[in-house]
């Protein structure tokens, strides 16, 4: 609900400009870009129950605060001219609270989608992980289906302020229900408690490792004394190496190093590039459609249709993956998304604003079939290829990289803040999807040494 409504709130608070919407997006995305790896490492270190409590309480309190700040801004439409300091303070509270809420949500996403799902599926038939990924994405998309529709109808037939009040109340009430559900999952599946026990049980080898490290440091000290007598060049090289090691021990740099060493680096970058876009029912596109005169409930219905197509993707993906493999499913999916987005590009040259808006929404909605199948394919490749010890860290960095690209899209929105120039943002977004598809194609060729089974196509042609 917040993801859908915040763009409408911002364009209402400051009409005729995408500036507030873009600034909110920059704050939200930059926070995830900066702190995403740290969140992943935090999830990796804390016990499952602690992550659950920290995630849900922080998330809901943050969104409750953001909803209250927006309600005050909408209740005082002249606040910008009468008390600019208060106006800026409330905007800042909204931005910071929204950013903290998204970081909390990231912790939950890493815990459930990158950790729990894999732990639960261990020792089970291979197809179980695929089905669980699909079901979790389906739950997410069902929420994306109904939440915008509810918000859109409240905004259209009651008021924006009523929707912000409803959002704040929902955040307050739902936290207890969410927590009880997740605790029931944790208590009901033994493998989760066993995995949690392994996380908190100190390894017997750790103390041995510490002693060995101390002994090694002492030996290194004696060696360095010897080197200083006549081998200054080697000592300088060693010192530079030690400095590099110290830098890599910093959590942020260490997390990125771990990510860059993964075999699935290119698929991860390809997925992240899809976040450098305004061709989604996000803040900037929603605000632009509102500026063009598209009713909020129509935008909500279009977003609901988009989510429905995404739900269909979660049903198609397991069937396709079982026949042509995960990596090839990703290839077909990304180019399918690219094809449907051609409709959005074509809408730029349509003179009728209403027809152009419907072409834009239709192209974005249909492209979700390829997008969500590609998302599932990349996530499953990461689940299969990334070692257990790096799973949460890699998940945190992946979300951080996605947020960096998302941030760049909002920065574009600040520089190109006139809604009349939205077409420029559309072109740049389409080029990012094209680059994503090309990178993933290169990865598939490197792994499989070919892209198309020409011999099978020839046999089919001659047989027919």
Protein backbone atom coordinates (compact mmCIF):
# COMPACT_ATOMS: atom_id res chain seq x y z
CA UNK A 1 0.00 0.00 0.00
CA UNK A 2 2.79 2.42 0.86
CA UNK A 3 4.74 1.66 -2.30
CA UNK A 4 1.68 2.52 -4.40
CA UNK A 5 0.39 5.50 -2.42
CA UNK A 6 3.57 7.43 -1.62
CA UNK A 7 3.91 8.73 -5.20
CA UNK A 8 0.32 10.01 -5.09
CA UNK A 9 0.96 11.65 -1.72
CA UNK A 10 4.04 13.46 -2.99
CA UNK A 11 2.50 14.73 -6.23
CA UNK A 12 -0.49 15.97 -4.21
CA UNK A 13 1.70 17.76 -1.65
CA UNK A 14 3.74 19.46 -4.40
CA UNK A 15 1.72 19.46 -7.68
CA UNK A 16 3.23 19.98 -11.13
CA UNK A 17 6.59 18.44 -10.18
CA UNK A 18 8.06 14.98 -9.66
CA UNK A 19 10.71 16.47 -7.35
CA UNK A 20 9.30 15.29 -3.98
CA UNK A 21 8.54 11.84 -5.36
CA UNK A 22 12.04 11.58 -6.81
CA UNK A 23 13.68 12.80 -3.58
CA UNK A 24 11.75 10.20 -1.57
CA UNK A 25 12.92 7.51 -3.99
CA UNK A 26 16.53 8.70 -3.68
CA UNK A 27 16.43 8.57 0.13
CA UNK A 28 14.81 5.12 0.17
CA UNK A 29 17.08 3.60 -2.46
CA UNK A 30 20.31 5.14 -1.14
CA UNK A 31 19.63 3.80 2.36
CA UNK A 32 19.30 0.27 0.98
CA UNK A 33 22.31 0.76 -1.28
CA UNK A 34 24.46 1.86 1.66
CA UNK A 35 23.18 -0.43 4.38
CA UNK A 36 21.95 -3.46 2.41
CA UNK A 37 25.18 -5.46 2.89
CA UNK A 38 25.21 -4.57 6.59
CA UNK A 39 21.61 -5.76 6.96
CA UNK A 40 22.58 -9.05 5.28
CA UNK A 41 25.48 -9.53 7.69
CA UNK A 42 23.23 -8.65 10.65
CA UNK A 43 20.69 -11.28 9.59
CA UNK A 44 23.56 -13.77 9.25
CA UNK A 45 24.76 -13.12 12.83
CA UNK A 46 21.49 -12.85 14.78
CA UNK A 47 19.22 -15.75 15.74
CA UNK A 48 16.02 -16.24 13.77
CA UNK A 49 13.66 -15.04 16.58
CA UNK A 50 15.74 -11.87 17.09
CA UNK A 51 15.62 -11.09 13.36
CA UNK A 52 11.84 -11.59 13.38
CA UNK A 53 11.30 -9.19 16.29
CA UNK A 54 13.71 -6.56 14.98
CA UNK A 55 12.26 -6.75 11.48
CA UNK A 56 8.54 -6.60 12.28
CA UNK A 57 8.63 -4.05 15.10
CA UNK A 58 10.94 -1.65 13.25
CA UNK A 59 9.08 -2.04 9.97
CA UNK A 60 5.61 -1.39 11.32
CA UNK A 61 6.64 1.44 13.66
CA UNK A 62 8.46 3.17 10.78
CA UNK A 63 5.50 2.96 8.42
CA UNK A 64 3.13 4.06 11.17
CA UNK A 65 5.30 7.17 11.69
CA UNK A 66 5.46 7.85 7.95
CA UNK A 67 1.68 7.51 7.67
CA UNK A 68 1.16 9.99 10.53
CA UNK A 69 3.55 12.54 8.95
CA UNK A 70 1.81 12.29 5.58
CA UNK A 71 -1.58 12.68 7.22
CA UNK A 72 -0.47 15.98 8.80
CA UNK A 73 0.94 17.21 5.47
CA UNK A 74 -2.30 16.39 3.64
CA UNK A 75 -4.39 17.96 6.41
CA UNK A 76 -2.42 21.25 6.14
CA UNK A 77 -2.12 21.92 2.38
CA UNK A 78 -0.81 25.48 2.97
CA UNK A 79 1.94 24.40 5.36
CA UNK A 80 4.64 24.92 2.73
CA UNK A 81 3.86 28.64 2.53
CA UNK A 82 2.87 29.27 6.15
CA UNK A 83 5.53 27.27 8.00
CA UNK A 84 8.22 26.04 5.66
CA UNK A 85 10.42 24.68 8.48
CA UNK A 86 7.59 22.43 9.72
CA UNK A 87 6.90 21.37 6.12
CA UNK A 88 10.53 20.33 5.56
CA UNK A 89 10.60 18.53 8.94
CA UNK A 90 7.54 16.46 8.10
CA UNK A 91 8.88 15.63 4.63
CA UNK A 92 12.16 14.53 6.26
CA UNK A 93 10.32 12.37 8.80
CA UNK A 94 8.35 10.76 5.98
CA UNK A 95 11.48 10.04 3.94
CA UNK A 96 13.55 8.71 6.85
CA UNK A 97 10.72 6.59 8.26
CA UNK A 98 10.02 5.12 4.83
CA UNK A 99 13.71 4.32 4.34
CA UNK A 100 13.97 2.60 7.74
CA UNK A 101 10.81 0.64 6.99
CA UNK A 102 12.24 -0.58 3.69
CA UNK A 103 15.51 -1.60 5.37
CA UNK A 104 13.52 -3.59 7.92
CA UNK A 105 11.59 -5.24 5.10
CA UNK A 106 14.90 -6.14 3.47
CA UNK A 107 15.93 -8.03 6.61
CA UNK A 108 12.73 -10.06 6.43
CA UNK A 109 13.17 -10.72 2.71
CA UNK A 110 16.69 -12.05 3.23
CA UNK A 111 15.60 -14.19 6.18
CA UNK A 112 12.59 -15.78 4.48
CA UNK A 113 13.49 -15.88 0.78
CA UNK A 114 17.24 -16.49 0.98
CA UNK A 115 17.59 -18.47 4.23
CA UNK A 116 14.42 -20.19 5.46
CA UNK A 117 13.30 -21.43 2.04
CA UNK A 118 16.65 -23.11 1.38
CA UNK A 119 16.84 -24.60 4.89
CA UNK A 120 13.31 -26.03 4.62
CA UNK A 121 13.99 -27.55 1.19
CA UNK A 122 17.26 -29.25 2.16
CA UNK A 123 16.99 -33.03 1.84
CA UNK A 124 13.74 -32.72 -0.13
CA UNK A 125 13.07 -33.41 -3.85
CA UNK A 126 14.72 -30.79 -6.12
CA UNK A 127 11.40 -29.47 -7.41
CA UNK A 128 10.32 -28.38 -3.92
CA UNK A 129 12.60 -25.31 -3.86
CA UNK A 130 11.21 -24.17 -7.24
CA UNK A 131 7.62 -24.56 -6.03
CA UNK A 132 8.31 -22.78 -2.73
CA UNK A 133 9.96 -19.85 -4.52
CA UNK A 134 6.95 -19.61 -6.81
CA UNK A 135 4.45 -19.73 -3.93
CA UNK A 136 6.29 -17.03 -1.96
CA UNK A 137 6.41 -14.77 -5.02
CA UNK A 138 2.72 -15.49 -5.61
CA UNK A 139 1.87 -14.36 -2.07
CA UNK A 140 3.87 -11.17 -2.66
CA UNK A 141 2.12 -10.47 -5.96
CA UNK A 142 -1.34 -11.16 -4.52
CA UNK A 143 -0.59 -8.39 -2.01
CA UNK A 144 0.55 -6.20 -4.91
CA UNK A 145 -2.76 -7.02 -6.59
CA UNK A 146 -5.16 -6.11 -3.79
CA UNK A 147 -3.32 -3.38 -1.87
CA UNK A 148 -3.18 -0.83 -4.75
CA UNK A 149 -6.80 -1.53 -5.63
CA UNK A 150 -7.89 -0.87 -2.04
CA UNK A 151 -5.71 2.25 -1.80
CA UNK A 152 -6.83 3.50 -5.20
CA UNK A 153 -10.52 3.22 -4.33
CA UNK A 154 -10.03 4.90 -0.94
CA UNK A 155 -8.10 7.75 -2.59
CA UNK A 156 -10.59 8.14 -5.47
CA UNK A 157 -13.85 7.85 -3.54
CA UNK A 158 -12.88 9.09 -0.04
CA UNK A 159 -9.61 11.05 0.11
CA UNK A 160 -5.84 10.84 0.16
CA UNK A 161 -5.87 11.64 3.86
CA UNK A 162 -8.22 8.73 4.55
CA UNK A 163 -5.84 6.35 2.79
CA UNK A 164 -2.85 7.55 4.87
CA UNK A 165 -4.87 7.11 8.08
CA UNK A 166 -5.93 3.60 6.99
CA UNK A 167 -2.31 2.74 6.20
CA UNK A 168 -1.10 3.91 9.63
CA UNK A 169 -3.81 1.92 11.42
CA UNK A 170 -3.09 -1.21 9.39
CA UNK A 171 0.63 -0.98 10.27
CA UNK A 172 -0.27 -0.74 13.95
CA UNK A 173 -2.65 -3.70 13.95
CA UNK A 174 -0.91 -6.14 11.60
CA UNK A 175 2.43 -6.46 13.40
CA UNK A 176 1.09 -8.87 16.04
CA UNK A 177 -0.64 -11.05 13.47
CA UNK A 178 2.50 -11.19 11.31
CA UNK A 179 4.73 -12.10 14.23
CA UNK A 180 2.44 -14.93 15.40
CA UNK A 181 2.37 -16.44 11.90
CA UNK A 182 6.15 -16.42 11.48
CA UNK A 183 6.71 -17.83 14.97
CA UNK A 184 4.27 -20.65 14.17
CA UNK A 185 6.32 -21.47 11.04
CA UNK A 186 9.56 -21.41 13.02
CA UNK A 187 8.18 -23.62 15.81
CA UNK A 188 6.48 -26.01 13.40
CA UNK A 189 9.47 -26.87 11.20
CA UNK A 190 12.31 -28.63 13.07
CA UNK A 191 14.94 -27.89 10.42
CA UNK A 192 14.63 -24.16 11.15
CA UNK A 193 15.30 -24.53 14.87
CA UNK A 194 18.20 -26.89 14.08
CA UNK A 195 19.67 -24.35 11.67
CA UNK A 196 19.20 -21.62 14.27
CA UNK A 197 21.01 -23.77 16.85
CA UNK A 198 23.98 -24.13 14.50
CA UNK A 199 24.12 -20.35 14.18
CA UNK A 200 24.32 -19.72 17.94
CA UNK A 201 26.51 -22.69 18.91
CA UNK A 202 30.15 -21.62 19.03
CA UNK A 203 32.35 -23.76 16.86
CA UNK A 204 34.86 -25.84 18.71
CA UNK A 205 37.52 -24.85 16.25
CA UNK A 206 37.07 -21.11 16.85
CA UNK A 207 39.27 -21.01 19.95
CA UNK A 208 41.89 -23.09 18.17
CA UNK A 209 41.67 -20.69 15.27
CA UNK A 210 42.20 -17.71 17.58
CA UNK A 211 45.28 -19.34 19.16
CA UNK A 212 46.63 -20.22 15.76
CA UNK A 213 46.08 -16.68 14.59
CA UNK A 214 47.99 -15.35 17.60
CA UNK A 215 50.84 -17.79 16.97
CA UNK A 216 50.87 -16.83 13.33
CA UNK A 217 50.96 -13.14 14.25
CA UNK A 218 53.94 -13.76 16.57
CA UNK A 219 55.73 -15.69 13.84
CA UNK A 220 54.89 -12.95 11.37
CA UNK A 221 56.36 -10.39 13.79
CA UNK A 222 59.65 -12.28 14.05
CA UNK A 223 59.77 -12.68 10.30
CA UNK A 224 59.15 -8.98 9.75
CA UNK A 225 62.12 -8.16 12.04
CA UNK A 226 64.33 -10.31 9.84
CA UNK A 227 62.94 -8.74 6.67
CA UNK A 228 63.57 -5.21 7.89
CA UNK A 229 67.31 -5.95 8.04
CA UNK A 230 67.76 -6.34 4.32
CA UNK A 231 64.52 -6.94 2.49
CA UNK A 232 62.69 -3.62 2.71
CA UNK A 233 60.95 -4.10 -0.64
CA UNK A 234 59.35 -7.35 0.50
CA UNK A 235 58.35 -5.71 3.78
CA UNK A 236 56.67 -2.85 1.92
CA UNK A 237 54.80 -5.30 -0.28
CA UNK A 238 53.73 -7.24 2.80
CA UNK A 239 52.58 -4.03 4.46
CA UNK A 240 50.50 -3.12 1.43
CA UNK A 241 49.01 -6.62 1.49
CA UNK A 242 48.18 -6.27 5.17
CA UNK A 243 46.51 -2.92 4.52
CA UNK A 244 44.40 -4.52 1.78
CA UNK A 245 43.43 -7.32 4.16
CA UNK A 246 42.42 -4.78 6.81
CA UNK A 247 40.23 -2.94 4.31
CA UNK A 248 38.53 -6.19 3.30
CA UNK A 249 37.79 -6.89 6.97
CA UNK A 250 35.49 -3.86 6.98
CA UNK A 251 31.99 -5.41 6.75
CA UNK A 252 30.90 -3.36 3.73
CA UNK A 253 33.99 -4.10 1.61
CA UNK A 254 34.15 -7.72 2.72
CA UNK A 255 30.54 -8.27 1.69
CA UNK A 256 31.12 -6.83 -1.76
CA UNK A 257 34.27 -8.95 -2.19
CA UNK A 258 32.25 -12.06 -1.36
CA UNK A 259 29.59 -11.06 -3.90
CA UNK A 260 32.08 -10.37 -6.70
CA UNK A 261 33.61 -13.84 -6.25
CA UNK A 262 30.34 -15.66 -6.98
CA UNK A 263 29.78 -17.64 -10.18
CA UNK A 264 26.33 -16.04 -10.53
CA UNK A 265 27.69 -12.48 -10.63
CA UNK A 266 26.43 -11.74 -14.16
CA UNK A 267 22.85 -12.93 -13.52
CA UNK A 268 22.83 -10.83 -10.33
CA UNK A 269 23.97 -7.73 -12.22
CA UNK A 270 21.42 -8.42 -14.96
CA UNK A 271 18.62 -8.58 -12.40
CA UNK A 272 19.86 -5.39 -10.71
CA UNK A 273 19.83 -3.49 -14.03
CA UNK A 274 16.08 -4.04 -14.24
CA UNK A 275 15.74 -1.72 -11.24
CA UNK A 276 17.17 1.17 -13.28
CA UNK A 277 13.73 1.89 -14.65
CA UNK A 278 10.61 4.01 -14.47
CA UNK A 279 8.72 1.39 -16.51
CA UNK A 280 6.96 -0.03 -13.47
CA UNK A 281 4.03 1.03 -11.33
CA UNK A 282 6.46 2.79 -9.03
CA UNK A 283 6.53 6.27 -7.58
CA UNK A 284 7.56 8.23 -10.70
CA UNK A 285 5.28 6.49 -13.18
CA UNK A 286 2.33 6.63 -10.77
CA UNK A 287 2.89 10.35 -10.15
CA UNK A 288 3.18 11.01 -13.91
CA UNK A 289 -0.05 9.14 -14.68
CA UNK A 290 -1.80 11.13 -11.94
CA UNK A 291 -0.44 14.37 -13.45
CA UNK A 292 -1.76 13.35 -16.88
CA UNK A 293 -5.24 12.97 -15.43
CA UNK A 294 -5.50 9.18 -15.06
CA UNK A 295 -7.82 8.48 -12.08
CA UNK A 296 -6.10 6.80 -9.11
CA UNK A 297 -8.54 3.88 -9.11
CA UNK A 298 -7.69 3.21 -12.78
CA UNK A 299 -3.98 3.21 -11.91
CA UNK A 300 -4.79 0.85 -9.02
CA UNK A 301 -6.72 -1.50 -11.33
CA UNK A 302 -3.88 -1.42 -13.89
CA UNK A 303 -1.40 -2.21 -11.16
CA UNK A 304 -3.69 -5.03 -10.03
CA UNK A 305 -3.75 -6.44 -13.56
CA UNK A 306 0.05 -6.18 -13.58
CA UNK A 307 0.20 -8.17 -10.35
CA UNK A 308 -2.24 -10.76 -11.77
CA UNK A 309 0.06 -11.29 -14.73
CA UNK A 310 2.92 -11.61 -12.25
CA UNK A 311 0.94 -14.27 -10.38
CA UNK A 312 0.53 -16.11 -13.70
CA UNK A 313 4.33 -15.98 -14.03
CA UNK A 314 4.69 -17.88 -10.74
CA UNK A 315 2.47 -20.62 -12.20
CA UNK A 316 4.23 -20.74 -15.57
CA UNK A 317 7.76 -20.68 -14.13
CA UNK A 318 7.79 -24.13 -12.41
CA UNK A 319 6.37 -25.80 -15.52
CA UNK A 320 8.85 -24.09 -17.84
CA UNK A 321 11.81 -24.57 -15.48
CA UNK A 322 11.18 -28.31 -15.22
CA UNK A 323 11.34 -28.65 -19.02
CA UNK A 324 14.10 -26.31 -20.16
CA UNK A 325 16.17 -25.73 -16.95
CA UNK A 326 16.52 -22.67 -14.73
CA UNK A 327 19.18 -20.91 -16.79
CA UNK A 328 17.28 -21.20 -20.09
CA UNK A 329 14.03 -20.10 -18.42
CA UNK A 330 15.83 -16.92 -17.42
CA UNK A 331 16.95 -16.35 -21.03
CA UNK A 332 13.46 -16.73 -22.47
CA UNK A 333 12.00 -14.58 -19.68
CA UNK A 334 14.27 -11.54 -20.00
CA UNK A 335 13.77 -11.30 -23.75
CA UNK A 336 10.02 -11.74 -23.28
CA UNK A 337 10.02 -8.71 -20.97
CA UNK A 338 12.07 -6.72 -23.50
CA UNK A 339 9.57 -7.52 -26.27
CA UNK A 340 6.51 -6.33 -24.32
CA UNK A 341 8.26 -3.11 -23.30
CA UNK A 342 8.40 -2.15 -27.00
CA UNK A 343 4.73 -1.18 -26.55
CA UNK A 344 5.78 1.38 -23.91
CA UNK A 345 8.39 2.83 -26.25
CA UNK A 346 5.80 3.06 -29.04
CA UNK A 347 3.45 5.01 -26.73
CA UNK A 348 5.89 7.94 -26.78
CA UNK A 349 4.86 8.82 -30.34
CA UNK A 350 1.09 8.56 -29.70
CA UNK A 351 -0.45 12.03 -29.57
CA UNK A 352 -3.59 11.17 -27.60
CA UNK A 353 -2.61 11.31 -23.90
CA UNK A 354 -5.25 8.79 -22.80
CA UNK A 355 -4.30 6.24 -25.46
CA UNK A 356 -0.61 6.80 -24.66
CA UNK A 357 -1.25 6.27 -20.94
CA UNK A 358 -3.15 3.03 -21.57
CA UNK A 359 -0.41 1.77 -23.91
CA UNK A 360 2.17 2.57 -21.24
CA UNK A 361 0.23 0.77 -18.50
CA UNK A 362 -0.54 -2.16 -20.82
CA UNK A 363 3.07 -2.60 -21.92
CA UNK A 364 4.34 -2.47 -18.34
CA UNK A 365 1.67 -4.89 -17.11
CA UNK A 366 2.29 -7.54 -19.79
CA UNK A 367 6.06 -7.28 -19.35
CA UNK A 368 5.62 -8.52 -15.76
CA UNK A 369 5.26 -12.08 -17.05
CA UNK A 370 8.88 -12.10 -18.19
CA UNK A 371 10.12 -9.95 -15.31
CA UNK A 372 8.92 -12.19 -12.49
CA UNK A 373 9.97 -15.40 -14.21
CA UNK A 374 13.44 -13.89 -14.69
CA UNK A 375 13.47 -12.81 -11.04
CA UNK A 376 12.63 -16.35 -9.92
CA UNK A 377 15.23 -17.86 -12.25
CA UNK A 378 18.04 -15.65 -10.94
CA UNK A 379 17.05 -16.14 -7.30
CA UNK A 380 17.04 -19.91 -7.73
CA UNK A 381 20.45 -19.84 -9.41
CA UNK A 382 21.77 -17.90 -6.42
CA UNK A 383 20.17 -20.34 -3.99
CA UNK A 384 21.75 -23.27 -5.86
CA UNK A 385 25.21 -21.78 -6.51
CA UNK A 386 25.99 -19.59 -3.49
CA UNK A 387 27.52 -21.46 -0.50
CA UNK A 388 25.49 -21.58 2.71
CA UNK A 389 28.07 -19.48 4.57
CA UNK A 390 27.68 -16.62 2.05
CA UNK A 391 23.94 -16.83 1.42
CA UNK A 392 22.70 -13.95 3.61
CA UNK A 393 25.67 -11.71 2.78
CA UNK A 394 25.22 -12.20 -0.98
CA UNK A 395 21.49 -11.57 -0.58
CA UNK A 396 22.20 -8.30 1.20
CA UNK A 397 24.67 -7.13 -1.45
CA UNK A 398 22.28 -8.14 -4.25
CA UNK A 399 19.55 -5.98 -2.73
CA UNK A 400 22.09 -3.20 -2.22
CA UNK A 401 23.10 -3.33 -5.89
CA UNK A 402 19.45 -3.29 -6.94
CA UNK A 403 18.90 -0.24 -4.76
CA UNK A 404 21.91 1.53 -6.28
CA UNK A 405 20.35 1.14 -9.73
CA UNK A 406 16.95 2.12 -8.32
CA UNK A 407 18.61 5.19 -6.79
CA UNK A 408 20.07 6.16 -10.16
CA UNK A 409 16.57 6.03 -11.66
CA UNK A 410 15.30 8.47 -9.01
CA UNK A 411 18.31 10.72 -9.54
CA UNK A 412 17.27 10.83 -13.19
CA UNK A 413 13.82 11.86 -11.95
CA UNK A 414 15.34 14.80 -10.05
CA UNK A 415 17.20 16.07 -13.10
CA UNK A 416 14.26 15.35 -15.41
CA UNK A 417 11.47 16.36 -13.01
CA UNK A 418 9.03 17.83 -15.53
CA UNK A 419 6.29 15.22 -16.17
CA UNK A 420 6.22 16.33 -19.83
CA UNK A 421 9.75 14.91 -20.20
CA UNK A 422 8.86 11.49 -18.77
CA UNK A 423 9.48 9.97 -22.20
CA UNK A 424 13.22 10.56 -21.77
CA UNK A 425 13.17 8.47 -18.61
CA UNK A 426 11.28 5.76 -20.50
CA UNK A 427 13.97 5.56 -23.21
CA UNK A 428 16.78 5.30 -20.64
CA UNK A 429 14.85 2.58 -18.79
CA UNK A 430 14.36 0.56 -21.99
CA UNK A 431 18.08 0.78 -22.73
CA UNK A 432 18.83 -0.59 -19.23
CA UNK A 433 16.55 -3.60 -19.87
CA UNK A 434 18.31 -4.15 -23.20
CA UNK A 435 21.72 -4.17 -21.49
CA UNK A 436 20.38 -6.58 -18.86
CA UNK A 437 19.17 -8.99 -21.53
CA UNK A 438 22.49 -8.84 -23.37
CA UNK A 439 24.54 -9.48 -20.21
CA UNK A 440 22.43 -12.49 -19.26
CA UNK A 441 22.71 -13.81 -22.83
CA UNK A 442 26.51 -13.59 -22.57
CA UNK A 443 26.35 -15.51 -19.27
CA UNK A 444 24.20 -18.25 -20.79
CA UNK A 445 26.59 -18.59 -23.72
CA UNK A 446 29.59 -18.83 -21.36
CA UNK A 447 27.92 -21.59 -19.35
CA UNK A 448 26.24 -23.60 -22.12
CA UNK A 449 28.57 -22.72 -25.08
CA UNK A 450 25.50 -22.12 -27.25
CA UNK A 451 22.17 -20.28 -27.17
CA UNK A 452 19.92 -22.21 -29.55
CA UNK A 453 19.79 -25.91 -30.47
CA UNK A 454 20.07 -25.37 -34.23
CA UNK A 455 20.32 -29.10 -34.86
CA UNK A 456 16.95 -29.71 -33.17
CA UNK A 457 15.35 -26.91 -35.18
CA UNK A 458 16.73 -28.41 -38.41
CA UNK A 459 15.46 -31.87 -37.48
CA UNK A 460 12.02 -30.44 -36.71
CA UNK A 461 11.89 -28.58 -40.02
CA UNK A 462 12.92 -31.59 -42.08
CA UNK A 463 10.64 -33.98 -40.17
CA UNK A 464 7.66 -31.74 -40.74
